[in-house]
N, C-alpha and C. Protein backbone atom coordinates (compact mmCIF):
# COMPACT_ATOMS: atom_id res chain seq x y z
N MET A 1 157.61 86.06 -125.25
CA MET A 1 157.57 84.74 -124.92
C MET A 1 156.96 84.46 -123.61
N ILE A 2 155.93 83.69 -123.42
CA ILE A 2 155.24 83.39 -122.24
C ILE A 2 155.84 82.24 -121.64
N LYS A 3 156.22 82.40 -120.22
CA LYS A 3 156.67 81.27 -119.42
C LYS A 3 155.48 80.63 -118.92
N VAL A 4 155.57 79.29 -118.93
CA VAL A 4 154.42 78.50 -118.33
C VAL A 4 155.12 77.69 -117.24
N TYR A 5 154.66 77.72 -116.00
CA TYR A 5 155.11 76.74 -114.97
C TYR A 5 153.94 75.87 -114.79
N GLY A 6 154.59 74.53 -114.61
CA GLY A 6 153.62 73.46 -114.46
C GLY A 6 154.46 72.29 -114.14
N MET A 7 153.76 71.12 -114.15
CA MET A 7 154.38 69.67 -113.96
C MET A 7 153.46 68.77 -114.56
N PRO A 8 154.03 67.53 -115.07
CA PRO A 8 153.22 66.54 -115.80
C PRO A 8 152.36 65.80 -114.99
N THR A 9 152.34 65.84 -113.60
CA THR A 9 151.30 65.19 -112.85
C THR A 9 150.19 65.94 -112.55
N CYS A 10 150.15 67.11 -112.94
CA CYS A 10 149.04 68.04 -112.91
C CYS A 10 148.12 67.96 -114.15
N PRO A 11 146.95 67.44 -114.21
CA PRO A 11 146.18 67.44 -115.41
C PRO A 11 145.84 68.71 -115.99
N TYR A 12 145.78 69.74 -115.35
CA TYR A 12 145.53 71.10 -115.84
C TYR A 12 146.79 71.65 -116.61
N CYS A 13 147.88 71.26 -116.04
CA CYS A 13 149.24 71.55 -116.70
C CYS A 13 149.38 70.89 -117.86
N ASP A 14 149.07 69.53 -117.82
CA ASP A 14 149.14 68.54 -118.99
C ASP A 14 148.43 69.08 -120.07
N TYR A 15 147.30 69.53 -119.78
CA TYR A 15 146.31 70.04 -120.90
C TYR A 15 146.86 71.22 -121.59
N VAL A 16 147.39 72.13 -120.64
CA VAL A 16 148.04 73.39 -121.20
C VAL A 16 149.16 72.94 -122.07
N HIS A 17 150.01 72.11 -121.50
CA HIS A 17 151.35 71.58 -122.29
C HIS A 17 151.01 71.13 -123.60
N GLU A 18 150.04 70.30 -123.78
CA GLU A 18 149.53 69.76 -125.02
C GLU A 18 149.26 70.93 -126.14
N GLN A 19 148.58 71.97 -125.52
CA GLN A 19 148.40 73.10 -126.46
C GLN A 19 149.47 73.85 -127.05
N ILE A 20 150.54 73.98 -126.27
CA ILE A 20 151.57 74.71 -126.62
C ILE A 20 152.70 74.05 -127.31
N LYS A 21 152.74 72.66 -127.37
CA LYS A 21 153.57 71.94 -128.17
C LYS A 21 153.74 72.33 -129.55
N GLY A 22 155.09 72.61 -130.14
CA GLY A 22 155.24 73.09 -131.33
C GLY A 22 155.08 74.60 -131.42
N ARG A 23 154.86 75.30 -130.26
CA ARG A 23 154.76 76.71 -130.26
C ARG A 23 155.92 77.38 -129.40
N GLU A 24 157.03 76.78 -129.57
CA GLU A 24 158.18 77.12 -128.72
C GLU A 24 158.54 78.64 -128.93
N SER A 25 158.17 79.24 -130.07
CA SER A 25 158.48 80.61 -130.33
C SER A 25 157.63 81.55 -129.43
N GLU A 26 156.47 80.93 -128.89
CA GLU A 26 155.59 81.87 -128.17
C GLU A 26 155.54 81.40 -126.65
N PHE A 27 155.87 80.15 -126.43
CA PHE A 27 155.80 79.70 -124.97
C PHE A 27 157.00 78.94 -124.45
N THR A 28 157.47 78.96 -123.37
CA THR A 28 158.49 78.26 -122.64
C THR A 28 157.77 77.45 -121.62
N TYR A 29 157.89 76.07 -121.45
CA TYR A 29 157.24 75.33 -120.51
C TYR A 29 158.20 74.92 -119.51
N ILE A 30 158.00 75.33 -118.29
CA ILE A 30 159.00 75.06 -117.16
C ILE A 30 158.35 74.02 -116.19
N ASN A 31 159.08 72.92 -116.19
CA ASN A 31 158.48 71.75 -115.39
C ASN A 31 159.08 71.95 -113.94
N ILE A 32 158.27 72.37 -113.10
CA ILE A 32 158.73 72.69 -111.69
C ILE A 32 159.20 71.52 -110.85
N GLY A 33 158.71 70.25 -111.35
CA GLY A 33 159.19 69.12 -110.69
C GLY A 33 160.56 68.49 -111.22
N GLU A 34 161.07 69.13 -112.22
CA GLU A 34 162.17 68.56 -112.94
C GLU A 34 163.45 68.75 -112.18
N ASN A 35 163.61 69.93 -111.60
CA ASN A 35 164.80 70.20 -110.75
C ASN A 35 164.45 71.41 -109.83
N ILE A 36 165.37 71.45 -108.86
CA ILE A 36 165.25 72.32 -107.63
C ILE A 36 165.20 73.81 -108.16
N ARG A 37 165.95 74.11 -109.19
CA ARG A 37 166.01 75.53 -109.63
C ARG A 37 164.56 75.89 -110.11
N ASN A 38 164.04 75.03 -110.95
CA ASN A 38 162.73 75.46 -111.33
C ASN A 38 161.66 75.52 -110.35
N MET A 39 161.75 74.64 -109.31
CA MET A 39 160.75 74.66 -108.09
C MET A 39 161.08 76.00 -107.43
N SER A 40 162.27 76.36 -107.17
CA SER A 40 162.62 77.59 -106.46
C SER A 40 162.14 78.78 -107.20
N ALA A 41 162.32 78.88 -108.52
CA ALA A 41 161.81 80.02 -109.28
C ALA A 41 160.26 80.21 -109.22
N PHE A 42 159.58 79.17 -109.23
CA PHE A 42 158.19 79.13 -109.07
C PHE A 42 157.74 79.51 -107.62
N THR A 43 158.38 79.01 -106.62
CA THR A 43 158.02 79.30 -105.23
C THR A 43 158.26 80.72 -104.98
N ARG A 44 159.28 81.18 -105.47
CA ARG A 44 159.61 82.70 -105.28
C ARG A 44 158.56 83.57 -105.93
N LEU A 45 158.05 83.19 -107.00
CA LEU A 45 156.91 83.77 -107.90
C LEU A 45 155.79 83.65 -107.04
N ARG A 46 155.33 82.53 -106.48
CA ARG A 46 154.14 82.30 -105.87
C ARG A 46 154.14 82.93 -104.37
N ASP A 47 155.39 82.97 -103.89
CA ASP A 47 155.29 83.69 -102.60
C ASP A 47 155.36 85.21 -102.57
N THR A 48 155.66 85.77 -103.64
CA THR A 48 155.69 87.25 -103.77
C THR A 48 154.56 87.89 -104.63
N ASN A 49 153.70 87.10 -105.30
CA ASN A 49 152.71 87.75 -106.27
C ASN A 49 151.35 87.55 -105.71
N PRO A 50 150.60 88.60 -105.66
CA PRO A 50 149.17 88.56 -105.08
C PRO A 50 148.34 87.56 -105.88
N VAL A 51 148.64 87.33 -107.18
CA VAL A 51 147.71 86.50 -108.06
C VAL A 51 147.64 85.26 -107.44
N PHE A 52 148.51 84.72 -106.60
CA PHE A 52 148.47 83.42 -105.89
C PHE A 52 147.74 83.40 -104.59
N ASP A 53 147.38 84.42 -104.14
CA ASP A 53 146.66 84.66 -102.80
C ASP A 53 145.58 83.65 -102.61
N ARG A 54 144.73 83.53 -103.55
CA ARG A 54 143.49 82.72 -103.50
C ARG A 54 143.90 81.31 -103.47
N CYS A 55 144.77 80.99 -104.39
CA CYS A 55 145.30 79.53 -104.45
C CYS A 55 145.85 79.12 -103.10
N LYS A 56 146.50 80.04 -102.51
CA LYS A 56 147.31 79.54 -101.14
C LYS A 56 146.08 79.42 -100.03
N GLU A 57 145.12 80.37 -100.10
CA GLU A 57 144.08 80.24 -99.17
C GLU A 57 143.25 78.83 -99.38
N THR A 58 143.25 78.36 -100.60
CA THR A 58 142.40 77.09 -100.84
C THR A 58 143.23 75.86 -100.64
N GLY A 59 144.54 76.13 -100.69
CA GLY A 59 145.54 75.07 -100.58
C GLY A 59 145.91 74.36 -102.00
N ASP A 60 145.56 75.31 -103.10
CA ASP A 60 146.05 74.86 -104.40
C ASP A 60 147.44 75.37 -104.60
N VAL A 61 148.06 74.68 -105.63
CA VAL A 61 149.59 75.05 -105.89
C VAL A 61 149.60 76.29 -106.70
N GLY A 62 148.72 76.39 -107.67
CA GLY A 62 148.72 77.78 -108.52
C GLY A 62 149.39 77.41 -109.84
N ILE A 63 149.26 76.10 -110.25
CA ILE A 63 149.94 75.83 -111.60
C ILE A 63 148.70 75.20 -112.35
N PRO A 64 148.73 75.55 -113.70
CA PRO A 64 149.67 76.23 -114.43
C PRO A 64 149.58 77.73 -114.24
N ALA A 65 150.83 78.16 -114.20
CA ALA A 65 150.98 79.61 -113.95
C ALA A 65 151.79 80.33 -115.29
N PHE A 66 151.33 81.42 -115.66
CA PHE A 66 151.67 82.15 -116.85
C PHE A 66 152.54 83.34 -116.48
N VAL A 67 153.68 83.65 -117.03
CA VAL A 67 154.39 84.89 -116.83
C VAL A 67 154.63 85.48 -118.19
N PHE A 68 154.12 86.68 -118.43
CA PHE A 68 154.14 87.32 -119.70
C PHE A 68 155.44 88.18 -119.75
N GLU A 69 155.92 88.59 -120.95
CA GLU A 69 157.06 89.36 -121.20
C GLU A 69 157.06 90.62 -120.44
N ASP A 70 155.86 91.29 -120.16
CA ASP A 70 155.79 92.43 -119.53
C ASP A 70 155.79 92.33 -117.92
N GLY A 71 156.05 90.98 -117.45
CA GLY A 71 156.06 90.71 -116.13
C GLY A 71 154.78 90.25 -115.46
N ARG A 72 153.77 90.52 -116.20
CA ARG A 72 152.30 90.23 -115.67
C ARG A 72 152.24 88.55 -115.36
N VAL A 73 151.70 88.28 -114.32
CA VAL A 73 151.35 86.93 -113.82
C VAL A 73 149.93 86.64 -113.90
N SER A 74 149.56 85.45 -114.32
CA SER A 74 148.16 85.00 -114.43
C SER A 74 148.19 83.47 -114.17
N ILE A 75 147.05 82.92 -113.58
CA ILE A 75 146.88 81.52 -113.48
C ILE A 75 145.53 81.20 -114.47
N ASP A 76 145.21 82.08 -115.23
CA ASP A 76 144.12 81.80 -116.11
C ASP A 76 144.67 81.58 -117.67
N PRO A 77 144.51 80.25 -118.11
CA PRO A 77 145.05 79.99 -119.37
C PRO A 77 144.49 80.78 -120.63
N ALA A 78 143.24 81.35 -120.36
CA ALA A 78 142.61 82.28 -121.37
C ALA A 78 143.46 83.42 -121.58
N ASP A 79 144.09 83.88 -120.43
CA ASP A 79 144.90 85.12 -120.67
C ASP A 79 146.02 84.91 -121.72
N ALA A 80 146.44 83.68 -121.86
CA ALA A 80 147.56 83.27 -122.75
C ALA A 80 146.94 82.68 -124.09
N GLY A 81 145.70 82.86 -124.34
CA GLY A 81 145.02 82.34 -125.38
C GLY A 81 144.88 80.86 -125.49
N LEU A 82 144.86 80.23 -124.35
CA LEU A 82 144.62 78.82 -124.22
C LEU A 82 143.38 78.47 -123.75
N VAL A 83 142.99 77.29 -123.78
CA VAL A 83 141.77 76.58 -123.18
C VAL A 83 142.09 75.97 -121.90
N GLU A 84 141.29 76.16 -120.90
CA GLU A 84 141.36 75.55 -119.60
C GLU A 84 140.72 74.20 -119.52
N TYR A 85 141.38 73.21 -118.81
CA TYR A 85 140.93 71.74 -118.75
C TYR A 85 139.65 72.10 -117.94
N GLY A 86 138.63 71.32 -118.50
CA GLY A 86 137.23 71.11 -117.91
C GLY A 86 136.30 72.38 -118.37
N SER A 87 136.82 73.30 -119.09
CA SER A 87 135.93 74.35 -119.76
C SER A 87 135.04 73.79 -120.74
N PRO A 88 134.01 74.46 -121.10
CA PRO A 88 133.22 74.04 -122.21
C PRO A 88 133.91 73.76 -123.51
N ALA A 89 135.03 74.52 -123.74
CA ALA A 89 135.82 74.43 -124.84
C ALA A 89 136.82 73.23 -124.80
N ALA A 90 137.01 72.63 -123.64
CA ALA A 90 137.83 71.51 -123.47
C ALA A 90 137.46 70.30 -124.27
N CYS A 91 138.34 69.40 -124.42
CA CYS A 91 138.22 68.17 -124.98
C CYS A 91 137.33 67.17 -124.19
N SER A 92 136.58 66.33 -124.81
CA SER A 92 135.93 65.33 -124.02
C SER A 92 136.77 64.15 -123.96
N VAL A 93 136.27 63.13 -123.22
CA VAL A 93 137.14 61.90 -123.23
C VAL A 93 137.06 61.26 -124.56
N GLU A 94 136.04 61.31 -125.17
CA GLU A 94 136.03 60.82 -126.55
C GLU A 94 136.89 61.44 -127.54
N ASP A 95 136.81 62.84 -127.45
CA ASP A 95 137.87 63.66 -128.37
C ASP A 95 139.38 63.01 -127.93
N HIS A 96 139.74 62.97 -126.84
CA HIS A 96 141.00 62.51 -126.37
C HIS A 96 141.30 61.06 -127.11
N ARG A 97 140.39 60.18 -126.99
CA ARG A 97 140.53 58.84 -127.43
C ARG A 97 140.67 58.93 -128.75
N SER A 98 140.02 59.76 -129.54
CA SER A 98 140.02 59.72 -130.91
C SER A 98 141.18 60.47 -131.54
N GLY A 99 142.06 61.08 -130.63
CA GLY A 99 143.31 61.72 -131.13
C GLY A 99 143.08 63.09 -131.50
N ARG A 100 142.04 63.75 -130.91
CA ARG A 100 141.80 65.19 -131.35
C ARG A 100 143.16 66.14 -130.95
N LYS A 101 143.51 66.81 -131.83
CA LYS A 101 144.78 67.70 -131.46
C LYS A 101 144.55 68.59 -130.25
N GLY A 102 145.52 68.60 -129.32
CA GLY A 102 145.33 69.37 -128.22
C GLY A 102 144.61 68.49 -126.97
N CYS A 103 144.28 67.31 -127.21
CA CYS A 103 143.61 66.59 -126.15
C CYS A 103 144.37 65.60 -125.50
């Protein structure tokens, strides 16, 4: 099971969250804004894992973040088999309006 840290006010997270809906056997979505325990778990991860070094340098939060069963951490949706918001494979505004799945 892949843990996905994110929050609904983040468009990148929201895009990923839509892709994993109905796939609860593969992914667990953890909303870091929902409660202090979720935020604390994420900040511990962010503060101790070098994957987030570049995010911290540029002032990014580092979400969505993916934690794999083997403990590996990534901030790249492709590592989890997902499409990143804004990538060529992502939905267009028209796709979203027409109700394309995952948009």
